[in-house]
Amino acid sequence: MYSIHLLAWLLIAIAVALHVMAVFNRGGLPLARSMASTQNRPGDLPGNWLEQIRRSLNTWS
């Protein structure tokens, strides 16, 4: 039973490592810093999300 527990932790560690690598691959250090930042920017409040989604969908179509 202990080996299954260790295997689960290993899989979690691998998943976290892959996600971190993907962040650095896509956006580098600026993206990683923005994801780790705890400061709110003016448009970061949940009340603004719907409008931001609408704007981004309009730019795609």
C-alpha atoms as a PDB file:
ATOM      1  CA  MET A   1       0.000   0.000   0.000  1.00  0.00           C
ATOM      2  CA  TYR A   2       2.898   2.357   0.717  1.00  0.00           C
ATOM      3  CA  SER A   3       4.287   1.903  -2.792  1.00  0.00           C
ATOM      4  CA  ILE A   4       0.968   3.028  -4.290  1.00  0.00           C
ATOM      5  CA  HIS A   5       1.118   6.122  -2.103  1.00  0.00           C
ATOM      6  CA  LEU A   6       4.653   6.886  -3.279  1.00  0.00           C
ATOM      7  CA  LEU A   7       3.636   6.312  -6.887  1.00  0.00           C
ATOM      8  CA  ALA A   8       0.791   8.803  -6.495  1.00  0.00           C
ATOM      9  CA  TRP A   9       3.177  11.431  -5.090  1.00  0.00           C
ATOM     10  CA  LEU A  10       5.590  10.756  -7.949  1.00  0.00           C
ATOM     11  CA  LEU A  11       2.819  11.295 -10.500  1.00  0.00           C
ATOM     12  CA  ILE A  12       1.815  14.548  -8.794  1.00  0.00           C
ATOM     13  CA  ALA A  13       5.427  15.744  -8.827  1.00  0.00           C
ATOM     14  CA  ILE A  14       5.745  14.893 -12.518  1.00  0.00           C
ATOM     15  CA  ALA A  15       2.501  16.736 -13.316  1.00  0.00           C
ATOM     16  CA  VAL A  16       3.674  19.843 -11.433  1.00  0.00           C
ATOM     17  CA  ALA A  17       7.057  19.738 -13.171  1.00  0.00           C
ATOM     18  CA  LEU A  18       5.386  19.456 -16.585  1.00  0.00           C
ATOM     19  CA  HIS A  19       3.118  22.398 -15.825  1.00  0.00           C
ATOM     20  CA  VAL A  20       6.022  24.553 -14.688  1.00  0.00           C
ATOM     21  CA  MET A  21       7.995  23.625 -17.797  1.00  0.00           C
ATOM     22  CA  ALA A  22       4.983  24.505 -19.976  1.00  0.00           C
ATOM     23  CA  VAL A  23       4.705  27.924 -18.324  1.00  0.00           C
ATOM     24  CA  PHE A  24       8.348  28.689 -19.039  1.00  0.00           C
ATOM     25  CA  ASN A  25       8.059  27.274 -22.548  1.00  0.00           C
ATOM     26  CA  ARG A  26       5.027  29.406 -23.442  1.00  0.00           C
ATOM     27  CA  GLY A  27       5.726  32.723 -21.769  1.00  0.00           C
ATOM     28  CA  GLY A  28       9.039  32.498 -19.976  1.00  0.00           C
ATOM     29  CA  LEU A  29       9.846  34.363 -16.812  1.00  0.00           C
ATOM     30  CA  PRO A  30       7.343  37.227 -17.375  1.00  0.00           C
ATOM     31  CA  LEU A  31       4.431  34.747 -17.488  1.00  0.00           C
ATOM     32  CA  ALA A  32       5.699  32.895 -14.422  1.00  0.00           C
ATOM     33  CA  ARG A  33       6.046  36.173 -12.518  1.00  0.00           C
ATOM     34  CA  SER A  34       2.559  37.307 -13.459  1.00  0.00           C
ATOM     35  CA  MET A  35       1.105  33.981 -12.329  1.00  0.00           C
ATOM     36  CA  ALA A  36       2.946  34.170  -9.004  1.00  0.00           C
ATOM     37  CA  SER A  37       1.983  37.788  -8.366  1.00  0.00           C
ATOM     38  CA  THR A  38      -0.629  38.391  -5.673  1.00  0.00           C
ATOM     39  CA  GLN A  39      -1.344  41.979  -6.720  1.00  0.00           C
ATOM     40  CA  ASN A  40      -4.618  42.756  -8.465  1.00  0.00           C
ATOM     41  CA  ARG A  41      -4.609  44.803 -11.614  1.00  0.00           C
ATOM     42  CA  PRO A  42      -7.607  47.034 -12.440  1.00  0.00           C
ATOM     43  CA  GLY A  43      -9.349  44.445 -14.680  1.00  0.00           C
ATOM     44  CA  ASP A  44      -8.693  41.366 -12.542  1.00  0.00           C
ATOM     45  CA  LEU A  45     -11.897  41.399 -10.506  1.00  0.00           C
ATOM     46  CA  PRO A  46     -14.473  38.656 -11.234  1.00  0.00           C
ATOM     47  CA  GLY A  47     -17.058  41.272 -12.130  1.00  0.00           C
ATOM     48  CA  ASN A  48     -14.948  42.176 -15.192  1.00  0.00           C
ATOM     49  CA  TRP A  49     -14.412  38.631 -16.462  1.00  0.00           C
ATOM     50  CA  LEU A  50     -17.580  38.309 -18.536  1.00  0.00           C
ATOM     51  CA  GLU A  51     -16.806  41.479 -20.481  1.00  0.00           C
ATOM     52  CA  GLN A  52     -13.206  40.327 -21.041  1.00  0.00           C
ATOM     53  CA  ILE A  53     -14.423  36.964 -22.349  1.00  0.00           C
ATOM     54  CA  ARG A  54     -16.848  38.711 -24.705  1.00  0.00           C
ATOM     55  CA  ARG A  55     -14.081  40.995 -26.017  1.00  0.00           C
ATOM     56  CA  SER A  56     -11.714  38.080 -26.604  1.00  0.00           C
ATOM     57  CA  LEU A  57     -14.423  36.080 -28.419  1.00  0.00           C
ATOM     58  CA  ASN A  58     -15.178  39.083 -30.636  1.00  0.00           C
ATOM     59  CA  THR A  59     -11.544  39.390 -31.652  1.00  0.00           C
ATOM     60  CA  TRP A  60     -11.516  35.741 -32.791  1.00  0.00           C
ATOM     61  CA  SER A  61     -14.565  36.005 -34.991  1.00  0.00           C
END
